[in-house]
Amino acid sequence: MSFWEVGEMASSLLALLLLLEGAMLSSSPPPSGLLEKLFQHIDLHQDEFVQTLKEWVAIESDSIQPVPRLRREIFRIMALAADRLQHLGARVKSVDLDSQQLPDGQSLPVPPILLAELGDEPEKPTVCFYGHLDVQPAQQEDGWLTDPYTLTEELPVNIKFILEGMEEAGSVALEELVRKEKDSFFSNVDYIVISDNLWISRRTPALIFGTRGNSYFMVEVKCRDQDFHSGTFGGILNEPMADLVALLGSLVDSSGHILIPGIYDQMTPLTEEEKKMYETIDLDLEEYQNSSQVEKFLFDTKEELLTHLWRYPSLSIHGIQGAFDDPGTKTVIPGRVIGKFSIRLVPHMNLSLVEKQVKQHLEAVFSRRNSSNKMAVSMVIGLHPWIANISDTQYLAAKRAIRTVFGVEPDMIQDGSTIPIARTFQDITQKSVMMLPLGAVDDGEHAQNEKINRWNYIEGSKLFAAFFLELSKLH
């Protein structure tokens, strides 16, 4: 893949590492000139930064496909990150993990998790950056278009890193390690920054202070293990597919409203402060719709769209396992089908209660059909939503940094997706957690031809510099 097609997380991390290298190569100007000197260094070395990024992207650190060669590539990029951190003078600890046992009996080694520390001065705040260096599978056939010296300047903050190589595959063993390191590695951390996700526009930076959770369900309807022929059995039995379609159709209406009783009861009312926040967000609804290649959204205003994308739960139907989906025709009646759907949860929604409500609803609908088939419902993924305090000093520092670098107020946004590590860090460490994205809305994360713009990459390095300086003023 080309260097424009790097994932947002890896590019954000590398931008930070290159910034730190620039800071260490600088002389010691008065504080008022520090940012200007750092910005000049970043601008002067743009091509070198991009070349380094290109070398990182060339590593196929795919954690999804269980292939030994690809797993070795993850070990390779983790070693590269460790070497660069050590070059910066960081103390790096590589935590070895057990093997990953796959369903087919194959065993693959799990790449280490890196813990790194740069600076250890009690009078300074300490920031911990999380990142992952693994990527999702990508091939050109999928539709992709293309296959300084001595430290002379002190950093204004201490920096720690926690980097993993299995985020796309579920962050194997990460939560356990965070719990283990809570009173050691994280003991003197003041702030945790996750540089993931995207802005809501192309040119206005954003700060993310919340994400939705995710409860993923499977509903199985079974008559027998074997399929039927419709010419022999059609019209004389309760067909599992008909039952399942009725069940799935009872979940959400054509306006996107979830039909499960009580599902909205846990939501907190939208405040006037929130409404004003949505009004100031830089989103061109027409451009957003066109770039999404959607003929019409369910809502006509920016405020309605954003509240339903971030503030309200949503239910999506993802597929039916066991149904005939090959080209052509086939007169089969599936004997057993499994419907898959998920609910994106908003802050203050309780996973256990949502699970109970979903099961009660589906059981009631199924009962009214008087079907002789068997139905089973299970929640296979349960991830909590995350919300931060936007009045937290870390967010205020980031706002000032964005004003310094970009000359504008940031969009304060929540994200409709689910990033479990944010809630994990917040619950376990009890530290301030913030998401600081660098990528533009059109970067196409997790899609073919994913990119990051050079402007975002370079200006993002400046943003990290300004952010660290602002944090140092808090202590």
Protein backbone atom coordinates (compact mmCIF):
# COMPACT_ATOMS: atom_id res chain seq x y z
CA MET A 1 0.00 0.00 0.00
CA SER A 2 1.18 3.58 -0.58
CA PHE A 3 2.11 5.99 2.19
CA TRP A 4 -1.15 7.90 1.72
CA GLU A 5 -3.05 4.81 2.80
CA VAL A 6 -1.79 4.53 6.38
CA GLY A 7 -4.23 4.06 9.26
CA GLU A 8 -5.00 7.12 11.38
CA MET A 9 -3.56 5.63 14.59
CA ALA A 10 -0.11 4.72 13.18
CA SER A 11 0.28 8.05 11.38
CA SER A 12 -0.69 10.00 14.53
CA LEU A 13 1.86 8.07 16.57
CA LEU A 14 4.63 8.60 14.03
CA ALA A 15 3.83 12.32 13.82
CA LEU A 16 4.32 12.47 17.61
CA LEU A 17 7.63 10.57 17.52
CA LEU A 18 8.98 12.80 14.76
CA LEU A 19 7.93 15.88 16.73
CA LEU A 20 9.83 14.64 19.78
CA GLU A 21 12.92 14.06 17.66
CA GLY A 22 12.67 17.64 16.38
CA ALA A 23 12.32 19.00 19.90
CA MET A 24 15.40 17.17 21.07
CA LEU A 25 17.45 18.45 18.16
CA SER A 26 16.53 22.07 18.89
CA SER A 27 18.53 24.49 21.00
CA SER A 28 16.95 26.06 24.08
CA PRO A 29 15.09 29.23 23.06
CA PRO A 30 13.01 31.26 25.53
CA PRO A 31 9.58 29.67 26.14
CA SER A 32 7.81 32.22 23.94
CA GLY A 33 9.85 31.08 20.93
CA LEU A 34 9.63 27.35 21.51
CA LEU A 35 6.58 26.63 19.40
CA GLU A 36 7.78 28.81 16.51
CA LYS A 37 11.14 26.99 16.49
CA LEU A 38 9.44 23.59 16.58
CA PHE A 39 7.03 24.54 13.80
CA GLN A 40 9.97 25.70 11.64
CA HIS A 41 11.72 22.37 12.24
CA ILE A 42 8.62 20.42 11.26
CA ASP A 43 8.10 22.45 8.08
CA LEU A 44 11.78 22.17 7.13
CA HIS A 45 11.77 18.37 7.49
CA GLN A 46 8.41 17.54 5.88
CA ASP A 47 9.87 15.30 3.18
CA GLU A 48 11.93 13.35 5.72
CA PHE A 49 8.84 12.86 7.86
CA VAL A 50 6.86 11.54 4.92
CA GLN A 51 9.70 9.20 3.90
CA THR A 52 9.73 7.76 7.43
CA LEU A 53 5.98 7.34 7.31
CA LYS A 54 6.31 5.55 3.99
CA GLU A 55 8.75 3.04 5.51
CA TRP A 56 6.35 2.29 8.34
CA VAL A 57 3.38 1.82 6.07
CA ALA A 58 5.30 -0.69 3.95
CA ILE A 59 5.11 -3.19 6.82
CA GLU A 60 2.09 -5.51 6.54
CA SER A 61 1.16 -5.53 10.21
CA ASP A 62 -2.17 -7.28 9.58
CA SER A 63 -3.49 -8.79 12.83
CA ILE A 64 -6.73 -10.12 11.36
CA GLN A 65 -5.49 -12.87 9.03
CA PRO A 66 -3.97 -15.80 11.00
CA VAL A 67 -0.88 -16.09 8.79
CA PRO A 68 2.59 -16.62 10.34
CA ARG A 69 4.24 -14.27 7.83
CA LEU A 70 1.86 -11.44 8.71
CA ARG A 71 2.28 -12.08 12.42
CA ARG A 72 6.06 -11.73 11.96
CA GLU A 73 5.40 -8.38 10.29
CA ILE A 74 3.61 -7.17 13.45
CA PHE A 75 6.64 -8.19 15.53
CA ARG A 76 8.78 -6.27 13.02
CA ILE A 77 6.86 -3.00 13.35
CA MET A 78 6.73 -3.33 17.14
CA ALA A 79 10.54 -3.69 17.12
CA LEU A 80 10.81 -0.64 14.85
CA ALA A 81 8.70 1.41 17.26
CA ALA A 82 10.80 0.21 20.21
CA ASP A 83 14.01 1.19 18.41
CA ARG A 84 12.72 4.69 17.60
CA LEU A 85 11.58 5.20 21.20
CA GLN A 86 14.97 4.08 22.50
CA HIS A 87 16.64 6.45 20.01
CA LEU A 88 14.65 9.27 21.63
CA GLY A 89 16.05 8.24 25.02
CA ALA A 90 12.93 6.51 26.29
CA ARG A 91 13.04 3.56 28.66
CA VAL A 92 11.25 0.81 26.79
CA LYS A 93 9.75 -2.33 28.30
CA SER A 94 8.53 -5.04 25.97
CA VAL A 95 5.88 -7.18 27.66
CA ASP A 96 5.83 -10.65 26.12
CA LEU A 97 2.46 -12.36 25.82
CA ASP A 98 1.23 -15.93 25.39
CA SER A 99 0.28 -17.53 22.13
CA GLN A 100 -3.10 -17.02 20.48
CA GLN A 101 -5.06 -20.23 20.07
CA LEU A 102 -7.17 -20.18 16.91
CA PRO A 103 -10.39 -22.16 16.31
CA ASP A 104 -8.64 -24.42 13.77
CA GLY A 105 -6.08 -25.51 16.37
CA GLN A 106 -3.34 -23.29 15.03
CA SER A 107 -1.25 -21.37 17.56
CA LEU A 108 0.30 -18.00 16.73
CA PRO A 109 2.54 -15.85 18.94
CA VAL A 110 0.96 -12.63 20.21
CA PRO A 111 3.22 -9.61 19.64
CA PRO A 112 4.50 -7.83 22.74
CA ILE A 113 2.93 -4.71 24.17
CA LEU A 114 5.38 -1.82 24.54
CA LEU A 115 5.53 0.34 27.65
CA ALA A 116 7.85 3.34 27.27
CA GLU A 117 8.77 6.29 29.48
CA LEU A 118 10.42 9.56 28.40
CA GLY A 119 11.23 11.83 31.33
CA ASP A 120 10.51 11.25 35.01
CA GLU A 121 10.36 14.66 36.71
CA PRO A 122 7.70 14.86 39.45
CA GLU A 123 7.13 18.59 38.97
CA LYS A 124 5.92 18.03 35.42
CA PRO A 125 2.62 16.49 34.29
CA THR A 126 2.83 13.07 32.68
CA VAL A 127 0.91 12.18 29.53
CA CYS A 128 0.38 8.61 28.38
CA PHE A 129 -0.25 8.04 24.67
CA TYR A 130 -1.96 4.88 23.50
CA GLY A 131 -1.61 3.58 19.98
CA HIS A 132 -1.84 0.40 17.94
CA LEU A 133 0.47 -0.48 15.06
CA ASP A 134 -1.57 -3.27 13.49
CA VAL A 135 -3.84 -2.76 10.51
CA GLN A 136 -6.76 -4.46 8.84
CA PRO A 137 -6.28 -6.64 5.75
CA ALA A 138 -5.81 -4.75 2.49
CA GLN A 139 -5.04 -5.93 -1.04
CA GLN A 140 -5.04 -4.10 -4.35
CA GLU A 141 -7.65 -6.56 -5.57
CA ASP A 142 -10.01 -5.14 -2.94
CA GLY A 143 -10.24 -1.94 -4.95
CA TRP A 144 -7.18 -0.01 -3.79
CA LEU A 145 -5.65 2.21 -6.50
CA THR A 146 -1.98 1.57 -5.67
CA ASP A 147 0.06 -1.00 -4.38
CA PRO A 148 19.20 15.64 13.61
CA TYR A 149 21.79 15.16 17.14
CA THR A 150 22.15 15.47 20.87
CA LEU A 151 19.33 16.25 23.21
CA THR A 152 19.60 19.94 24.03
CA GLU A 153 15.98 20.86 24.74
CA GLU A 154 13.91 19.52 27.59
CA LEU A 155 10.41 18.35 26.85
CA PRO A 156 7.75 20.36 28.70
CA VAL A 157 6.07 17.14 29.89
CA ASN A 158 7.01 13.57 30.66
CA ILE A 159 5.70 11.15 28.07
CA LYS A 160 4.74 7.51 28.35
CA PHE A 161 3.63 5.25 25.54
CA ILE A 162 1.48 2.15 25.53
CA LEU A 163 1.47 0.61 22.07
CA GLU A 164 -0.19 -2.62 20.99
CA GLY A 165 -0.34 -4.62 17.81
CA MET A 166 -3.74 -6.34 18.09
CA GLU A 167 -6.33 -3.54 18.28
CA GLU A 168 -8.09 -4.46 15.08
CA ALA A 169 -8.40 -8.03 16.35
CA GLY A 170 -9.90 -7.10 19.73
CA SER A 171 -6.89 -5.85 21.76
CA VAL A 172 -5.81 -9.29 22.99
CA ALA A 173 -4.64 -9.10 26.66
CA LEU A 174 -4.59 -5.27 26.75
CA GLU A 175 -7.23 -4.75 29.44
CA GLU A 176 -5.52 -7.32 31.67
CA LEU A 177 -2.20 -5.49 31.27
CA VAL A 178 -3.77 -2.11 32.05
CA ARG A 179 -5.20 -3.56 35.28
CA LYS A 180 -1.82 -5.07 36.15
CA GLU A 181 0.03 -1.80 35.51
CA LYS A 182 -2.55 0.48 37.18
CA ASP A 183 -0.44 1.12 40.30
CA SER A 184 2.94 1.02 38.56
CA PHE A 185 3.18 2.24 34.96
CA PHE A 186 0.06 4.41 35.23
CA SER A 187 0.63 5.60 38.82
CA ASN A 188 2.11 8.99 37.87
CA VAL A 189 0.16 9.49 34.64
CA ASP A 190 -1.99 12.62 34.69
CA TYR A 191 -3.53 12.49 31.23
CA ILE A 192 -4.19 9.80 28.64
CA VAL A 193 -4.46 10.77 24.98
CA ILE A 194 -5.85 8.57 22.22
CA SER A 195 -5.16 9.93 18.75
CA ASP A 196 -7.77 7.99 16.83
CA ASN A 197 -10.81 8.65 14.65
CA LEU A 198 -11.47 11.66 12.43
CA TRP A 199 -12.64 15.25 12.35
CA ILE A 200 -16.22 15.90 11.23
CA SER A 201 -14.95 18.25 8.49
CA ARG A 202 -11.99 18.59 6.15
CA ARG A 203 -10.39 21.73 7.65
CA THR A 204 -11.72 22.29 11.19
CA PRO A 205 -9.95 20.29 13.93
CA ALA A 206 -12.00 18.39 16.46
CA LEU A 207 -11.81 17.02 19.98
CA ILE A 208 -13.76 13.85 20.73
CA PHE A 209 -15.28 13.56 24.19
CA GLY A 210 -17.56 10.57 23.80
CA THR A 211 -18.22 7.40 21.84
CA ARG A 212 -21.17 5.06 21.62
CA GLY A 213 -21.08 1.55 23.00
CA ASN A 214 -22.05 -1.57 21.09
CA SER A 215 -24.25 -4.52 21.98
CA TYR A 216 -24.19 -7.16 19.23
CA PHE A 217 -26.92 -9.78 19.12
CA MET A 218 -27.60 -13.02 17.33
CA VAL A 219 -31.11 -14.44 17.08
CA GLU A 220 -31.42 -18.03 15.90
CA VAL A 221 -34.58 -19.62 14.56
CA LYS A 222 -34.37 -23.37 14.03
CA CYS A 223 -36.66 -26.05 12.70
CA ARG A 224 -34.00 -28.65 12.00
CA ASP A 225 -30.32 -28.76 10.98
CA GLN A 226 -31.04 -29.70 7.34
CA ASP A 227 -32.61 -27.42 4.76
CA PHE A 228 -35.94 -28.20 3.06
CA HIS A 229 -37.08 -28.19 -0.57
CA SER A 230 -39.89 -25.69 -1.07
CA GLY A 231 -41.67 -27.98 -3.53
CA THR A 232 -41.92 -30.70 -0.92
CA PHE A 233 -42.36 -28.71 2.28
CA GLY A 234 -43.49 -25.21 1.23
CA GLY A 235 -46.84 -24.30 2.81
CA ILE A 236 -46.95 -27.03 5.43
CA LEU A 237 -44.47 -25.79 8.06
CA ASN A 238 -43.39 -22.65 9.87
CA GLU A 239 -40.40 -21.52 7.87
CA PRO A 240 -37.46 -20.30 10.00
CA MET A 241 -36.66 -17.54 7.51
CA ALA A 242 -40.18 -16.10 7.72
CA ASP A 243 -39.99 -16.13 11.51
CA LEU A 244 -36.59 -14.45 11.45
CA VAL A 245 -37.64 -11.77 8.98
CA ALA A 246 -40.61 -10.95 11.21
CA LEU A 247 -38.34 -10.75 14.25
CA LEU A 248 -35.81 -8.50 12.53
CA GLY A 249 -38.60 -6.36 11.09
CA SER A 250 -39.93 -5.72 14.58
CA LEU A 251 -36.73 -4.05 15.78
CA VAL A 252 -36.65 -0.71 13.97
CA ASP A 253 -38.99 1.29 11.75
CA SER A 254 -38.33 3.10 8.48
CA SER A 255 -37.48 6.35 10.29
CA GLY A 256 -34.70 4.65 12.28
CA HIS A 257 -36.74 4.62 15.51
CA ILE A 258 -35.98 1.56 17.65
CA LEU A 259 -39.20 -0.31 18.45
CA ILE A 260 -37.95 -2.22 21.51
CA PRO A 261 -40.02 -1.05 24.53
CA GLY A 262 -38.06 0.96 27.11
CA ILE A 263 -34.90 1.26 25.02
CA TYR A 264 -34.93 5.07 25.13
CA ASP A 265 -35.81 5.35 28.84
CA GLN A 266 -32.16 5.37 29.99
CA MET A 267 -31.21 8.34 27.82
CA THR A 268 -30.53 11.66 29.52
CA PRO A 269 -32.35 14.65 27.99
CA LEU A 270 -30.50 16.76 25.47
CA THR A 271 -29.37 19.96 27.22
CA GLU A 272 -29.45 23.50 25.83
CA GLU A 273 -25.64 23.57 26.10
CA GLU A 274 -25.43 20.48 23.90
CA LYS A 275 -27.82 21.95 21.35
CA LYS A 276 -25.68 25.10 21.06
CA MET A 277 -22.58 22.92 20.65
CA TYR A 278 -24.13 21.10 17.71
CA GLU A 279 -25.05 24.42 16.06
CA THR A 280 -21.39 25.54 15.92
CA ILE A 281 -19.99 22.32 14.46
CA ASP A 282 -18.45 22.74 11.00
CA LEU A 283 -20.49 20.31 8.93
CA ASP A 284 -21.71 20.96 5.40
CA LEU A 285 -24.69 18.62 5.26
CA GLU A 286 -24.91 18.58 1.46
CA GLU A 287 -21.18 17.89 1.07
CA TYR A 288 -21.35 15.21 3.76
CA GLN A 289 -24.27 13.54 2.00
CA ASN A 290 -22.60 13.67 -1.42
CA SER A 291 -19.28 12.32 -0.13
CA SER A 292 -21.19 9.49 1.54
CA GLN A 293 -22.88 8.65 -1.78
CA VAL A 294 -26.26 8.58 -0.03
CA GLU A 295 -29.26 9.96 -1.90
CA LYS A 296 -31.04 11.13 1.24
CA PHE A 297 -30.44 10.95 4.98
CA LEU A 298 -33.26 10.38 7.45
CA PHE A 299 -32.86 13.92 8.77
CA ASP A 300 -32.80 17.30 7.04
CA THR A 301 -30.79 19.45 9.45
CA LYS A 302 -27.22 19.25 10.72
CA GLU A 303 -28.37 19.27 14.33
CA GLU A 304 -30.82 16.39 13.84
CA LEU A 305 -28.27 14.31 11.98
CA LEU A 306 -25.52 14.79 14.57
CA THR A 307 -27.76 14.10 17.57
CA HIS A 308 -28.97 10.85 16.01
CA LEU A 309 -25.41 9.90 15.02
CA TRP A 310 -23.83 10.61 18.41
CA ARG A 311 -26.46 11.24 21.09
CA TYR A 312 -29.19 8.70 20.39
CA PRO A 313 -28.92 4.90 20.18
CA SER A 314 -29.24 3.25 16.79
CA LEU A 315 -30.05 -0.28 15.68
CA SER A 316 -28.52 -1.84 12.56
CA ILE A 317 -29.30 -5.20 10.96
CA HIS A 318 -26.12 -6.76 9.59
CA GLY A 319 -26.99 -10.06 7.97
CA ILE A 320 -28.54 -13.51 8.02
CA GLN A 321 -26.39 -16.60 8.42
CA GLY A 322 -27.73 -19.73 6.77
CA ALA A 323 -29.74 -17.94 4.09
CA PHE A 324 -29.19 -18.56 0.38
CA ASP A 325 -27.17 -15.63 -1.00
CA ASP A 326 -25.40 -17.03 -4.07
CA PRO A 327 -26.08 -15.71 -7.59
CA GLY A 328 -28.99 -17.34 -9.41
CA THR A 329 -31.99 -19.12 -7.98
CA LYS A 330 -32.45 -21.95 -5.51
CA THR A 331 -35.75 -23.14 -4.07
CA VAL A 332 -34.39 -24.00 -0.66
CA ILE A 333 -36.09 -23.38 2.68
CA PRO A 334 -33.35 -22.89 5.29
CA GLY A 335 -33.83 -25.19 8.26
CA ARG A 336 -31.85 -22.94 10.57
CA VAL A 337 -31.04 -19.23 10.24
CA ILE A 338 -29.26 -16.71 12.45
CA GLY A 339 -29.99 -12.98 12.27
CA LYS A 340 -27.28 -10.55 13.30
CA PHE A 341 -27.94 -7.02 14.55
CA SER A 342 -26.38 -4.51 16.91
CA ILE A 343 -27.40 -1.51 18.98
CA ARG A 344 -25.05 1.45 19.36
CA LEU A 345 -25.47 2.59 22.97
CA VAL A 346 -25.14 6.15 24.24
CA PRO A 347 -23.81 7.26 27.65
CA HIS A 348 -25.83 6.16 30.68
CA MET A 349 -27.36 3.14 28.89
CA ASN A 350 -26.90 -0.09 30.86
CA LEU A 351 -25.72 -3.11 28.87
CA SER A 352 -27.49 -5.67 31.04
CA LEU A 353 -30.79 -3.84 30.87
CA VAL A 354 -30.52 -3.46 27.09
CA GLU A 355 -29.86 -7.18 26.76
CA LYS A 356 -32.93 -7.95 28.89
CA GLN A 357 -35.14 -5.58 26.89
CA VAL A 358 -34.04 -7.05 23.56
CA LYS A 359 -34.68 -10.62 24.66
CA GLN A 360 -38.09 -9.80 26.14
CA HIS A 361 -39.15 -8.02 22.97
CA LEU A 362 -38.08 -10.80 20.61
CA GLU A 363 -39.64 -13.46 22.82
CA ALA A 364 -42.95 -11.57 22.78
CA VAL A 365 -42.92 -11.15 19.00
CA PHE A 366 -42.02 -14.80 18.48
CA SER A 367 -44.74 -15.94 20.87
CA ARG A 368 -47.40 -14.04 18.91
CA ARG A 369 -46.43 -15.95 15.76
CA ASN A 370 -47.34 -19.29 17.36
CA SER A 371 -44.45 -20.88 15.51
CA SER A 372 -43.37 -24.46 16.18
CA ASN A 373 -39.74 -23.47 15.61
CA LYS A 374 -37.22 -22.80 18.36
CA MET A 375 -35.78 -19.34 18.95
CA ALA A 376 -32.62 -18.38 20.90
CA VAL A 377 -31.23 -14.87 21.46
CA SER A 378 -27.71 -14.10 22.67
CA MET A 379 -25.64 -10.93 23.11
CA VAL A 380 -22.18 -11.85 21.80
CA ILE A 381 -20.49 -8.43 22.19
CA GLY A 382 -21.13 -5.92 24.96
CA LEU A 383 -19.07 -2.73 24.90
CA HIS A 384 -19.87 0.27 27.08
CA PRO A 385 -20.21 3.83 25.79
CA TRP A 386 -17.66 6.43 26.90
CA ILE A 387 -18.12 10.07 27.89
CA ALA A 388 -15.56 12.59 29.18
CA ASN A 389 -15.84 15.92 30.96
CA ILE A 390 -15.18 18.64 28.38
CA SER A 391 -14.39 21.09 31.22
CA ASP A 392 -11.45 18.87 32.19
CA THR A 393 -8.12 20.75 32.14
CA GLN A 394 -6.78 18.44 29.42
CA TYR A 395 -9.58 19.42 27.05
CA LEU A 396 -9.07 23.11 27.85
CA ALA A 397 -5.35 22.75 27.09
CA ALA A 398 -6.12 21.01 23.81
CA LYS A 399 -8.56 23.77 22.84
CA ARG A 400 -5.87 26.41 23.41
CA ALA A 401 -3.37 24.38 21.40
CA ILE A 402 -5.79 24.11 18.47
CA ARG A 403 -6.39 27.86 18.55
CA THR A 404 -2.60 28.40 18.48
CA VAL A 405 -1.95 26.11 15.53
CA PHE A 406 -5.11 26.40 13.44
CA GLY A 407 -6.51 29.76 14.56
CA VAL A 408 -10.01 28.36 15.12
CA GLU A 409 -12.12 26.84 17.85
CA PRO A 410 -12.28 23.03 17.61
CA ASP A 411 -15.45 21.13 16.92
CA MET A 412 -16.42 19.38 20.15
CA ILE A 413 -17.81 16.10 18.94
CA GLN A 414 -18.88 12.69 20.05
CA ASP A 415 -18.34 9.72 17.80
CA GLY A 416 -20.92 7.22 16.69
CA SER A 417 -18.42 4.36 16.64
CA THR A 418 -17.12 2.31 19.57
CA ILE A 419 -13.54 2.55 20.90
CA PRO A 420 -13.46 0.31 23.99
CA ILE A 421 -9.98 1.32 25.19
CA ALA A 422 -11.19 4.83 26.10
CA ARG A 423 -13.69 3.47 28.64
CA THR A 424 -11.15 0.86 29.78
CA PHE A 425 -8.50 3.50 30.54
CA GLN A 426 -11.03 5.74 32.29
CA ASP A 427 -12.57 3.02 34.46
CA ILE A 428 -9.34 1.27 35.47
CA THR A 429 -6.85 4.14 35.82
CA GLN A 430 -9.33 6.87 36.84
CA LYS A 431 -7.27 9.29 34.73
CA SER A 432 -8.38 12.02 32.35
CA VAL A 433 -8.89 10.50 28.89
CA MET A 434 -9.18 12.52 25.68
CA MET A 435 -9.35 11.72 21.98
CA LEU A 436 -7.27 14.01 19.77
CA PRO A 437 -7.80 13.08 16.11
CA LEU A 438 -5.65 14.37 13.24
CA GLY A 439 -7.44 13.00 10.18
CA ALA A 440 -10.02 14.72 8.00
CA VAL A 441 -13.56 13.48 7.51
CA ASP A 442 -12.78 12.18 4.01
CA ASP A 443 -9.79 10.00 4.99
CA GLY A 444 -11.86 6.84 4.57
CA GLU A 445 -10.72 4.96 7.66
CA HIS A 446 -11.01 1.17 7.37
CA ALA A 447 -11.97 1.50 3.69
CA GLN A 448 -10.20 1.05 0.38
CA ASN A 449 -7.67 3.80 -0.39
CA GLU A 450 -7.58 5.04 3.19
CA LYS A 451 -5.36 8.12 3.43
CA ILE A 452 -4.10 10.96 5.57
CA ASN A 453 -3.47 14.37 4.00
CA ARG A 454 0.06 15.78 4.20
CA TRP A 455 -1.40 19.00 5.70
CA ASN A 456 -3.08 17.09 8.52
CA TYR A 457 0.07 15.05 9.14
CA ILE A 458 2.39 18.10 9.34
CA GLU A 459 0.00 20.43 11.18
CA GLY A 460 -0.79 17.55 13.53
CA SER A 461 2.86 17.46 14.58
CA LYS A 462 2.62 21.16 15.41
CA LEU A 463 -0.56 20.49 17.38
CA PHE A 464 1.19 17.95 19.59
CA ALA A 465 3.95 20.52 20.29
CA ALA A 466 1.43 23.20 21.25
CA PHE A 467 -0.58 20.72 23.33
CA PHE A 468 2.45 19.63 25.38
CA LEU A 469 3.36 23.27 26.04
CA GLU A 470 -0.19 24.02 27.19
CA LEU A 471 -0.19 21.00 29.51
CA SER A 472 3.10 22.11 31.07
CA LYS A 473 1.46 25.42 32.04
CA LEU A 474 -1.04 23.53 34.21
CA HIS A 475 1.66 22.38 36.66
